[in-house]
C-alpha atoms as a PDB file:
ATOM      1  CA  MET A   1      -5.762 -15.341 -10.197  1.00  0.00           C
ATOM      2  CA  TYR A   2      -5.891 -12.434  -7.770  1.00  0.00           C
ATOM      3  CA  ASN A   3      -2.564 -10.583  -7.657  1.00  0.00           C
ATOM      4  CA  GLU A   4      -1.056  -7.219  -6.721  1.00  0.00           C
ATOM      5  CA  LYS A   5      -2.241  -5.613  -9.971  1.00  0.00           C
ATOM      6  CA  SER A   6      -5.828  -6.744  -9.235  1.00  0.00           C
ATOM      7  CA  PHE A   7      -5.563  -5.507  -5.660  1.00  0.00           C
ATOM      8  CA  THR A   8      -4.216  -2.132  -6.806  1.00  0.00           C
ATOM      9  CA  ALA A   9      -7.183  -1.701  -9.170  1.00  0.00           C
ATOM     10  CA  ASP A  10      -9.680  -2.725  -6.460  1.00  0.00           C
ATOM     11  CA  PHE A  11      -7.975  -0.498  -3.872  1.00  0.00           C
ATOM     12  CA  CYS A  12      -8.055   2.524  -6.194  1.00  0.00           C
ATOM     13  CA  LYS A  13     -11.805   2.012  -6.825  1.00  0.00           C
ATOM     14  CA  TRP A  14     -12.370   1.653  -3.083  1.00  0.00           C
ATOM     15  CA  LEU A  15     -10.326   4.799  -2.427  1.00  0.00           C
ATOM     16  CA  ARG A  16     -12.263   6.822  -5.057  1.00  0.00           C
ATOM     17  CA  ASN A  17     -15.558   5.768  -3.453  1.00  0.00           C
ATOM     18  CA  LYS A  18     -14.280   6.701   0.009  1.00  0.00           C
ATOM     19  CA  ARG A  19     -13.113  10.088  -1.295  1.00  0.00           C
ATOM     20  CA  LYS A  20     -16.587  10.740  -2.749  1.00  0.00           C
ATOM     21  CA  GLN A  21     -17.991   9.980   0.709  1.00  0.00           C
ATOM     22  CA  GLY A  22     -15.576  12.491   2.262  1.00  0.00           C
ATOM     23  CA  GLU A  23     -13.229   9.856   3.699  1.00  0.00           C
ATOM     24  CA  PHE A  24      -9.590   9.240   2.796  1.00  0.00           C
ATOM     25  CA  CYS A  25      -9.437  12.457   0.791  1.00  0.00           C
ATOM     26  CA  TRP A  26      -5.891  13.418   1.682  1.00  0.00           C
ATOM     27  CA  THR A  27      -2.649  12.799  -0.181  1.00  0.00           C
ATOM     28  CA  MET A  28      -1.044   9.450   0.561  1.00  0.00           C
ATOM     29  CA  THR A  29       1.439   7.013  -0.841  1.00  0.00           C
ATOM     30  CA  PHE A  30       1.122   3.263  -0.574  1.00  0.00           C
ATOM     31  CA  GLU A  31       2.713  -0.025  -1.494  1.00  0.00           C
ATOM     32  CA  HIS A  32       0.418  -3.017  -1.986  1.00  0.00           C
ATOM     33  CA  LYS A  33       1.254  -6.573  -0.991  1.00  0.00           C
ATOM     34  CA  VAL A  34      -0.971  -9.574  -1.656  1.00  0.00           C
ATOM     35  CA  ALA A  35      -0.098 -12.575   0.495  1.00  0.00           C
ATOM     36  CA  LYS A  36      -1.118 -16.055  -0.518  1.00  0.00           C
ATOM     37  CA  LYS A  37       0.875 -17.675   2.304  1.00  0.00           C
ATOM     38  CA  ASN A  38       0.570 -16.939   5.995  1.00  0.00           C
ATOM     39  CA  ARG A  39       3.501 -14.467   6.072  1.00  0.00           C
ATOM     40  CA  VAL A  40       4.867 -11.544   4.078  1.00  0.00           C
ATOM     41  CA  ASN A  41       8.653 -11.542   4.189  1.00  0.00           C
ATOM     42  CA  PHE A  42      10.197  -8.078   4.350  1.00  0.00           C
ATOM     43  CA  LYS A  43      13.360  -9.105   2.515  1.00  0.00           C
ATOM     44  CA  SER A  44      11.906 -11.145  -0.354  1.00  0.00           C
ATOM     45  CA  ASP A  45       8.443  -9.583  -0.779  1.00  0.00           C
ATOM     46  CA  PHE A  46       9.535  -5.939  -0.715  1.00  0.00           C
ATOM     47  CA  ARG A  47      12.029  -4.478  -3.144  1.00  0.00           C
ATOM     48  CA  GLU A  48      14.976  -2.763  -1.505  1.00  0.00           C
ATOM     49  CA  HIS A  49      13.780   0.777  -2.330  1.00  0.00           C
ATOM     50  CA  GLN A  50      10.062   0.495  -1.472  1.00  0.00           C
ATOM     51  CA  ILE A  51       9.991   1.134   2.273  1.00  0.00           C
ATOM     52  CA  PRO A  52      12.658   3.910   2.091  1.00  0.00           C
ATOM     53  CA  MET A  53      10.642   5.658  -0.653  1.00  0.00           C
ATOM     54  CA  LEU A  54       7.485   5.463   1.474  1.00  0.00           C
ATOM     55  CA  GLU A  55       9.469   6.964   4.354  1.00  0.00           C
ATOM     56  CA  MET A  56      10.791   9.716   2.080  1.00  0.00           C
ATOM     57  CA  SER A  57       7.287  10.594   0.862  1.00  0.00           C
ATOM     58  CA  GLN A  58       6.153  10.939   4.483  1.00  0.00           C
ATOM     59  CA  GLU A  59       9.181  12.777   5.873  1.00  0.00           C
ATOM     60  CA  GLY A  60      10.245  14.777   2.811  1.00  0.00           C
ATOM     61  CA  CYS A  61       9.447  14.744  -0.904  1.00  0.00           C
ATOM     62  CA  VAL A  62       9.386  12.180  -3.685  1.00  0.00           C
ATOM     63  CA  TYR A  63       9.153  13.055  -7.365  1.00  0.00           C
ATOM     64  CA  HIS A  64       8.068  10.495  -9.946  1.00  0.00           C
ATOM     65  CA  LYS A  65       8.134  11.017 -13.708  1.00  0.00           C
ATOM     66  CA  LEU A  66       5.364   9.190 -15.546  1.00  0.00           C
ATOM     67  CA  SER A  67       6.577   7.225 -18.526  1.00  0.00           C
ATOM     68  CA  ASP A  68       5.839   8.560 -22.007  1.00  0.00           C
ATOM     69  CA  LEU A  69       5.568   4.917 -23.082  1.00  0.00           C
ATOM     70  CA  ASP A  70       2.447   4.204 -21.013  1.00  0.00           C
ATOM     71  CA  ILE A  71      -0.528   3.053 -23.032  1.00  0.00           C
ATOM     72  CA  GLY A  72      -3.514   5.371 -22.830  1.00  0.00           C
ATOM     73  CA  ARG A  73      -3.849   8.955 -21.744  1.00  0.00           C
ATOM     74  CA  LYS A  74      -1.284  10.246 -19.332  1.00  0.00           C
ATOM     75  CA  PRO A  75      -2.798  12.704 -16.810  1.00  0.00           C
ATOM     76  CA  PHE A  76       0.428  14.721 -16.515  1.00  0.00           C
ATOM     77  CA  ASP A  77       4.197  14.317 -16.787  1.00  0.00           C
ATOM     78  CA  GLY A  78       5.037  13.699 -13.163  1.00  0.00           C
ATOM     79  CA  VAL A  79       4.014  14.064  -9.571  1.00  0.00           C
ATOM     80  CA  GLN A  80       5.738  15.300  -6.437  1.00  0.00           C
ATOM     81  CA  VAL A  81       4.489  14.099  -3.079  1.00  0.00           C
ATOM     82  CA  CYS A  82       5.655  15.808   0.098  1.00  0.00           C
ATOM     83  CA  HIS A  83       4.845  15.043   3.725  1.00  0.00           C
ATOM     84  CA  ALA A  84       2.073  12.607   2.792  1.00  0.00           C
ATOM     85  CA  ASP A  85       0.784   9.753   4.893  1.00  0.00           C
ATOM     86  CA  ALA A  86       2.527   6.591   3.667  1.00  0.00           C
ATOM     87  CA  TYR A  87       1.260   3.047   4.073  1.00  0.00           C
ATOM     88  CA  ALA A  88       2.134  -0.532   3.311  1.00  0.00           C
ATOM     89  CA  VAL A  89      -1.227  -2.098   2.453  1.00  0.00           C
ATOM     90  CA  PHE A  90      -1.500  -5.855   2.985  1.00  0.00           C
ATOM     91  CA  LEU A  91      -4.181  -8.246   1.817  1.00  0.00           C
ATOM     92  CA  TRP A  92      -4.060 -11.947   2.680  1.00  0.00           C
ATOM     93  CA  TYR A  93      -5.923 -13.492  -0.234  1.00  0.00           C
ATOM     94  CA  LYS A  94      -8.204 -16.419   0.492  1.00  0.00           C
ATOM     95  CA  PRO A  95     -10.380 -17.616  -2.412  1.00  0.00           C
ATOM     96  CA  ARG A  96     -14.119 -17.101  -1.922  1.00  0.00           C
ATOM     97  CA  GLN A  97     -13.511 -15.125   1.300  1.00  0.00           C
ATOM     98  CA  PRO A  98     -14.074 -11.393   1.856  1.00  0.00           C
ATOM     99  CA  LYS A  99     -11.024  -9.342   0.897  1.00  0.00           C
ATOM    100  CA  VAL A 100      -9.823  -7.546   4.023  1.00  0.00           C
ATOM    101  CA  PHE A 101      -6.769  -5.312   3.867  1.00  0.00           C
ATOM    102  CA  TYR A 102      -4.633  -3.641   6.486  1.00  0.00           C
ATOM    103  CA  MET A 103      -3.114  -0.183   6.023  1.00  0.00           C
ATOM    104  CA  ILE A 104      -0.001   0.129   8.170  1.00  0.00           C
ATOM    105  CA  ASN A 105       1.822   3.444   8.456  1.00  0.00           C
ATOM    106  CA  VAL A 106       5.390   3.202   7.184  1.00  0.00           C
ATOM    107  CA  GLU A 107       6.746   4.317  10.585  1.00  0.00           C
ATOM    108  CA  ASP A 108       5.074   1.305  12.202  1.00  0.00           C
ATOM    109  CA  ILE A 109       6.411  -1.007   9.480  1.00  0.00           C
ATOM    110  CA  VAL A 110       9.957   0.268  10.079  1.00  0.00           C
ATOM    111  CA  LYS A 111       9.636  -0.303  13.847  1.00  0.00           C
ATOM    112  CA  PHE A 112       8.127  -3.759  13.344  1.00  0.00           C
ATOM    113  CA  LYS A 113      10.788  -4.693  10.799  1.00  0.00           C
ATOM    114  CA  LYS A 114      13.551  -4.046  13.347  1.00  0.00           C
ATOM    115  CA  THR A 115      12.447  -7.071  15.386  1.00  0.00           C
ATOM    116  CA  HIS A 116      10.696  -9.238  12.771  1.00  0.00           C
ATOM    117  CA  LYS A 117      11.715 -10.692   9.400  1.00  0.00           C
ATOM    118  CA  SER A 118       8.121 -11.108   8.270  1.00  0.00           C
ATOM    119  CA  ILE A 119       4.555 -10.228   9.214  1.00  0.00           C
ATOM    120  CA  THR A 120       1.453 -12.377   9.615  1.00  0.00           C
ATOM    121  CA  GLU A 121      -2.141 -11.277   9.119  1.00  0.00           C
ATOM    122  CA  ILE A 122      -2.773 -11.229  12.886  1.00  0.00           C
ATOM    123  CA  GLU A 123       0.327  -9.077  13.440  1.00  0.00           C
ATOM    124  CA  ALA A 124      -0.708  -6.751  10.603  1.00  0.00           C
ATOM    125  CA  GLN A 125      -4.175  -6.437  12.101  1.00  0.00           C
ATOM    126  CA  SER A 126      -2.697  -5.527  15.499  1.00  0.00           C
ATOM    127  CA  ILE A 127      -0.572  -2.628  14.162  1.00  0.00           C
ATOM    128  CA  ALA A 128      -2.789  -1.432  11.284  1.00  0.00           C
ATOM    129  CA  SER A 129      -3.900   2.178  11.197  1.00  0.00           C
ATOM    130  CA  TYR A 130      -6.940   1.054   9.167  1.00  0.00           C
ATOM    131  CA  THR A 131      -8.591  -2.316   8.577  1.00  0.00           C
ATOM    132  CA  CYS A 132     -10.944  -2.248   5.615  1.00  0.00           C
ATOM    133  CA  LYS A 133     -12.970  -4.613   3.455  1.00  0.00           C
ATOM    134  CA  LEU A 134     -13.252  -4.521  -0.316  1.00  0.00           C
ATOM    135  CA  LYS A 135     -16.700  -5.137  -1.744  1.00  0.00           C
END
């Protein structure tokens, strides 16, 4: 079953390939959401801290300590991200269909969230900074 963990892995591969091609080679933060229904609900599908932390990474600084309990090699102890582009990245999963995702800047999500309780794929497409396809 395709889930957020799968999407994160696919997105990171896509991002590495884009960076090698000279695209998307700046610092950014992102939160992934995989929708299997027609809407993503801001209250139930986002944790309370996620959008504020994206905002903080874009407007100020966020520090994150990597766990010493992680399996495998840890690249470093922590990371600080300041004034980075921040995105909510949505993918509406449809089996056997191309995987298209929408990168929406956190500022646009905050504005949209003021008047909407959820977002559909068509609405995401209309406010996305980037619309991309996974291979």
